[in-house]
Amino acid sequence: MKPMVKASLIAIPLLAAILAGCSDGPPTGELAAASSPVSVDGAAAVQVRARVDPLNDQRPGPALPPDVACAGNQLPPQLPADQFRCVDPRTDVNITFRSLASGTQSYTAYGLVPGGQEELLGPLAPTSQPADQNGHLTHTLNLTFPADMSAAYTQLQVRLGDVVVAQAPWQPGSQAYFELNSTLSQVTATGSYRGRELTLDVQGLPPTGTFHGYLYRADETGALQQVQQFPNLTNGEQTLTAPQDISDYAEFHIHLADSRINLFKATIG
């Protein structure tokens, strides 16, 4: 066989292999939705001390003025004159959330007033207790009101930004447990990818609030590391572009703002 013919016969399969490799497009696939239970672990304890006015409570007729009815308050506390002492009303409120996913925004407590109005109670602050295995901290809010607040509210809410995360009944005298806002457990998404582009269709995001998408990689131990953020996701179809092929990542999540409250989770097939 002539050398040129032999070289041509060798080059043809090589060229075919190169062309076949060039014809392979970028990696493609779909998201596989995984279970991502959203839960909260919070409780509210409300203790009310009613006003005590012994003389007026026990006698009929017009009420005695405070300087007379509560004259015992001027006596030394060691004297047995409780029947002449008044006690001012007081309400103590403790809200505690364990393993609360944190972010740059504060969790804030509100009280719903009978009739539908709301009152800001204050932000929940992280405690000095050690974080859990996910890095989440215990947050608390302690309040004292110099009044009997037995009927002041109907419900307590904890919010992150404008989004109600959880609510609990206002239950003076007992502990009430917070339940997750049901709208946060209704987020769904489907998605397919080609190369660095992920085409995503999201449904069920609440009408208020900020929601971000995240890509995760798994390290050598299998632990997930958050490596890419897609801010301000919305309901409907959208295309996200990552720095690398989507197939290089392990999972895709949707979180409430930049917190670790995970509303949707999918593995990347």
Protein backbone atom coordinates (compact mmCIF):
# COMPACT_ATOMS: atom_id res chain seq x y z
CA MET A 1 0.00 0.00 0.00
CA LYS A 2 1.29 3.39 -0.93
CA PRO A 3 2.29 5.60 2.05
CA MET A 4 -0.15 8.39 1.17
CA VAL A 5 -3.07 5.96 0.90
CA LYS A 6 -2.11 4.38 4.23
CA ALA A 7 -1.88 7.78 5.91
CA SER A 8 -5.30 8.70 4.57
CA LEU A 9 -6.83 5.51 5.92
CA ILE A 10 -5.42 6.29 9.37
CA ALA A 11 -6.53 9.91 9.28
CA ILE A 12 -10.15 9.18 8.37
CA PRO A 13 -11.08 7.34 11.62
CA LEU A 14 -9.13 9.91 13.64
CA LEU A 15 -10.98 12.76 11.97
CA ALA A 16 -14.29 10.96 12.52
CA ALA A 17 -13.50 10.59 16.22
CA ILE A 18 -12.63 14.26 16.51
CA LEU A 19 -15.80 15.29 14.72
CA ALA A 20 -17.86 12.97 16.92
CA GLY A 21 -16.37 14.59 20.00
CA CYS A 22 -17.11 18.03 18.64
CA SER A 23 -20.69 17.07 17.94
CA ASP A 24 -21.33 16.26 21.62
CA GLY A 25 -23.26 19.24 23.02
CA PRO A 26 -23.01 20.61 26.55
CA PRO A 27 -24.29 18.35 29.34
CA THR A 28 -28.06 18.34 29.79
CA GLY A 29 -30.44 17.04 32.43
CA GLU A 30 -33.29 17.84 34.77
CA LEU A 31 -33.78 18.77 38.40
CA ALA A 32 -35.08 15.98 40.61
CA ALA A 33 -37.18 17.46 43.42
CA ALA A 34 -36.15 16.16 46.83
CA SER A 35 -38.00 16.35 50.12
CA SER A 36 -37.19 19.59 51.90
CA PRO A 37 -39.40 19.79 54.96
CA VAL A 38 -39.63 23.33 56.26
CA SER A 39 -40.23 23.41 59.98
CA VAL A 40 -39.97 25.75 62.94
CA ASP A 41 -39.30 25.05 66.59
CA GLY A 42 -40.65 27.94 68.59
CA ALA A 43 -42.86 28.62 71.60
CA ALA A 44 -44.35 31.59 73.43
CA ALA A 45 -44.92 31.73 77.19
CA VAL A 46 -47.24 34.50 78.43
CA GLN A 47 -47.67 35.06 82.18
CA VAL A 48 -50.18 37.62 83.43
CA ARG A 49 -50.43 38.99 86.95
CA ALA A 50 -53.76 40.76 87.46
CA ARG A 51 -54.06 43.86 89.61
CA VAL A 52 -54.71 43.15 93.26
CA ASP A 53 -56.67 45.79 95.21
CA PRO A 54 -57.78 44.00 98.42
CA LEU A 55 -59.95 46.67 100.02
CA ASN A 56 -61.83 47.61 96.87
CA ASP A 57 -62.11 43.98 95.79
CA GLN A 58 -63.81 43.02 99.06
CA ARG A 59 -66.13 45.96 99.80
CA PRO A 60 -69.26 47.11 97.99
CA GLY A 61 -69.90 50.69 97.03
CA PRO A 62 -67.70 53.35 95.47
CA ALA A 63 -64.03 52.52 95.09
CA LEU A 64 -61.63 53.96 97.61
CA PRO A 65 -58.93 56.24 96.22
CA PRO A 66 -55.53 54.54 95.74
CA ASP A 67 -53.87 56.38 98.63
CA VAL A 68 -56.46 54.87 100.98
CA ALA A 69 -57.09 51.48 99.37
CA CYS A 70 -53.38 50.83 98.92
CA ALA A 71 -52.17 52.45 102.14
CA GLY A 72 -50.44 49.20 103.05
CA ASN A 73 -47.99 49.75 100.22
CA GLN A 74 -46.35 52.43 102.37
CA LEU A 75 -45.66 49.95 105.17
CA PRO A 76 -42.45 47.91 105.43
CA PRO A 77 -42.83 44.64 103.46
CA GLN A 78 -42.08 42.52 106.53
CA LEU A 79 -45.27 43.68 108.28
CA PRO A 80 -48.32 41.36 107.89
CA ALA A 81 -50.48 43.91 106.10
CA ASP A 82 -51.19 42.19 102.80
CA GLN A 83 -54.89 43.00 103.12
CA PHE A 84 -53.94 46.66 102.76
CA ARG A 85 -51.43 46.28 99.94
CA CYS A 86 -52.16 46.59 96.22
CA VAL A 87 -50.24 44.83 93.47
CA ASP A 88 -49.92 46.40 90.04
CA PRO A 89 -50.71 44.29 87.00
CA ARG A 90 -47.90 42.86 84.90
CA THR A 91 -47.49 40.69 81.82
CA ASP A 92 -44.30 38.82 80.95
CA VAL A 93 -43.77 37.43 77.46
CA ASN A 94 -41.01 35.07 76.34
CA ILE A 95 -40.67 33.97 72.71
CA THR A 96 -37.99 31.37 71.99
CA PHE A 97 -37.05 29.82 68.66
CA ARG A 98 -34.52 27.00 68.59
CA SER A 99 -32.36 26.30 65.54
CA LEU A 100 -33.57 29.37 63.71
CA ALA A 101 -31.95 29.77 60.31
CA SER A 102 -30.19 33.12 60.27
CA GLY A 103 -29.36 35.71 57.64
CA THR A 104 -28.73 39.43 57.38
CA GLN A 105 -32.37 40.28 58.15
CA SER A 106 -33.81 40.13 61.66
CA TYR A 107 -36.72 38.01 62.74
CA THR A 108 -39.38 40.28 64.22
CA ALA A 109 -42.37 39.51 66.45
CA TYR A 110 -45.79 41.10 66.03
CA GLY A 111 -49.00 40.88 68.02
CA LEU A 112 -52.34 40.86 66.21
CA VAL A 113 -54.87 43.04 68.00
CA PRO A 114 -58.56 42.04 68.07
CA GLY A 115 -60.06 43.68 65.02
CA GLY A 116 -57.17 42.92 62.68
CA GLN A 117 -54.59 45.56 63.54
CA GLU A 118 -51.02 44.66 64.41
CA GLU A 119 -48.41 45.91 66.84
CA LEU A 120 -44.65 45.55 66.57
CA LEU A 121 -43.27 43.75 69.61
CA GLY A 122 -39.60 43.74 68.69
CA PRO A 123 -36.78 41.76 67.06
CA LEU A 124 -35.68 38.31 68.18
CA ALA A 125 -32.02 38.31 69.21
CA PRO A 126 -29.60 35.36 69.00
CA THR A 127 -28.53 33.94 72.34
CA SER A 128 -25.09 32.82 73.50
CA GLN A 129 -26.10 29.16 73.27
CA PRO A 130 -23.96 27.11 70.86
CA ALA A 131 -25.20 26.76 67.29
CA ASP A 132 -26.68 23.44 66.20
CA GLN A 133 -25.09 21.11 63.63
CA ASN A 134 -26.42 23.31 60.82
CA GLY A 135 -25.04 26.52 62.29
CA HIS A 136 -28.48 27.71 63.40
CA LEU A 137 -28.88 29.68 66.63
CA THR A 138 -31.52 30.00 69.33
CA HIS A 139 -33.29 33.39 69.18
CA THR A 140 -35.38 34.96 71.94
CA LEU A 141 -37.47 38.00 72.76
CA ASN A 142 -38.39 38.88 76.35
CA LEU A 143 -40.94 41.61 77.11
CA THR A 144 -42.57 42.98 80.25
CA PHE A 145 -45.73 45.11 80.13
CA PRO A 146 -46.88 47.05 83.25
CA ALA A 147 -50.47 46.05 82.50
CA ASP A 148 -52.83 43.09 82.31
CA MET A 149 -52.50 42.07 78.64
CA SER A 150 -54.77 39.03 78.83
CA ALA A 151 -56.98 40.21 75.97
CA ALA A 152 -54.47 42.45 74.19
CA TYR A 153 -53.78 40.12 71.25
CA THR A 154 -55.27 37.16 69.45
CA GLN A 155 -52.11 35.88 67.77
CA LEU A 156 -48.34 36.21 67.74
CA GLN A 157 -46.42 36.25 64.47
CA VAL A 158 -42.73 35.98 63.69
CA ARG A 159 -41.66 37.52 60.39
CA LEU A 160 -38.56 37.74 58.27
CA GLY A 161 -38.88 40.98 56.37
CA ASP A 162 -42.47 41.12 55.11
CA VAL A 163 -42.99 37.36 55.20
CA VAL A 164 -44.83 35.68 58.08
CA VAL A 165 -42.67 32.68 58.96
CA ALA A 166 -44.74 31.30 61.85
CA GLN A 167 -47.68 32.11 64.09
CA ALA A 168 -48.94 31.05 67.52
CA PRO A 169 -52.10 31.80 69.50
CA TRP A 170 -51.93 34.37 72.29
CA GLN A 171 -52.44 32.08 75.31
CA PRO A 172 -51.86 33.76 78.70
CA GLY A 173 -51.10 31.28 81.43
CA SER A 174 -49.78 28.51 79.18
CA GLN A 175 -47.19 27.81 76.53
CA ALA A 176 -48.23 28.14 72.90
CA TYR A 177 -46.26 26.59 70.05
CA PHE A 178 -45.54 28.29 66.74
CA GLU A 179 -46.64 26.67 63.51
CA LEU A 180 -45.08 27.25 60.12
CA ASN A 181 -46.97 29.62 57.84
CA SER A 182 -48.61 27.18 55.42
CA THR A 183 -47.81 29.31 52.36
CA LEU A 184 -44.10 28.57 52.82
CA SER A 185 -44.61 24.83 52.31
CA GLN A 186 -46.33 25.21 48.92
CA VAL A 187 -43.35 26.21 46.78
CA THR A 188 -42.67 23.91 43.81
CA ALA A 189 -40.29 24.09 40.88
CA THR A 190 -39.31 22.15 37.79
CA GLY A 191 -36.16 22.70 35.82
CA SER A 192 -33.93 21.47 33.04
CA TYR A 193 -30.40 22.48 32.19
CA ARG A 194 -28.08 22.66 29.23
CA GLY A 195 -24.50 23.59 29.88
CA ARG A 196 -24.40 26.59 32.19
CA GLU A 197 -28.06 27.52 31.76
CA LEU A 198 -30.83 26.32 34.07
CA THR A 199 -34.38 26.90 32.86
CA LEU A 200 -36.56 27.05 35.95
CA ASP A 201 -40.33 27.23 36.43
CA VAL A 202 -41.25 28.24 39.98
CA GLN A 203 -44.75 28.23 41.47
CA GLY A 204 -46.17 28.99 44.90
CA LEU A 205 -43.88 31.77 46.10
CA PRO A 206 -45.79 34.09 48.48
CA PRO A 207 -46.76 37.49 47.02
CA THR A 208 -44.50 39.34 49.46
CA GLY A 209 -40.91 38.68 50.39
CA THR A 210 -37.58 38.07 48.68
CA PHE A 211 -36.53 34.64 47.47
CA HIS A 212 -33.10 33.53 46.25
CA GLY A 213 -31.89 30.45 44.40
CA TYR A 214 -28.65 28.69 45.34
CA LEU A 215 -26.40 26.09 43.77
CA TYR A 216 -24.50 23.73 46.06
CA ARG A 217 -21.46 21.54 45.64
CA ALA A 218 -20.63 18.51 47.76
CA ASP A 219 -17.16 18.35 49.30
CA GLU A 220 -15.10 15.20 49.77
CA THR A 221 -17.12 14.29 52.87
CA GLY A 222 -20.46 14.76 51.10
CA ALA A 223 -21.28 17.98 52.98
CA LEU A 224 -22.97 20.61 50.84
CA GLN A 225 -21.33 23.99 50.30
CA GLN A 226 -23.30 26.96 49.00
CA VAL A 227 -21.33 28.35 46.04
CA GLN A 228 -23.65 30.37 43.80
CA GLN A 229 -26.61 32.68 44.45
CA PHE A 230 -29.37 33.72 42.03
CA PRO A 231 -31.15 36.67 43.68
CA ASN A 232 -34.79 37.66 43.43
CA LEU A 233 -36.51 34.60 41.99
CA THR A 234 -40.15 35.03 40.95
CA ASN A 235 -43.07 32.80 40.09
CA GLY A 236 -42.99 31.60 36.50
CA GLU A 237 -40.26 30.60 34.06
CA GLN A 238 -36.80 32.09 34.26
CA THR A 239 -33.33 31.20 32.97
CA LEU A 240 -30.36 31.21 35.33
CA THR A 241 -26.75 31.15 34.12
CA ALA A 242 -24.03 29.66 36.33
CA PRO A 243 -20.25 30.15 36.08
CA GLN A 244 -19.85 26.46 35.20
CA ASP A 245 -21.97 23.67 33.75
CA ILE A 246 -24.99 22.99 35.96
CA SER A 247 -24.01 19.31 35.99
CA ASP A 248 -20.92 20.27 38.03
CA TYR A 249 -23.17 21.10 40.99
CA ALA A 250 -24.97 18.75 43.39
CA GLU A 251 -28.19 20.53 44.42
CA PHE A 252 -30.35 23.57 43.75
CA HIS A 253 -32.30 25.28 46.57
CA ILE A 254 -34.75 28.14 46.95
CA HIS A 255 -34.46 30.04 50.24
CA LEU A 256 -36.43 32.79 51.94
CA ALA A 257 -34.18 35.82 51.35
CA ASP A 258 -30.62 35.04 52.46
CA SER A 259 -31.73 32.92 55.39
CA ARG A 260 -31.34 29.16 55.52
CA ILE A 261 -35.10 28.63 55.46
CA ASN A 262 -35.22 26.18 52.57
CA LEU A 263 -38.48 26.30 50.61
CA PHE A 264 -37.46 23.98 47.76
CA LYS A 265 -34.65 21.52 47.19
CA ALA A 266 -33.67 19.45 44.15
CA THR A 267 -30.78 17.23 43.19
CA ILE A 268 -29.06 17.75 39.86
CA GLY A 269 -29.20 14.60 37.74
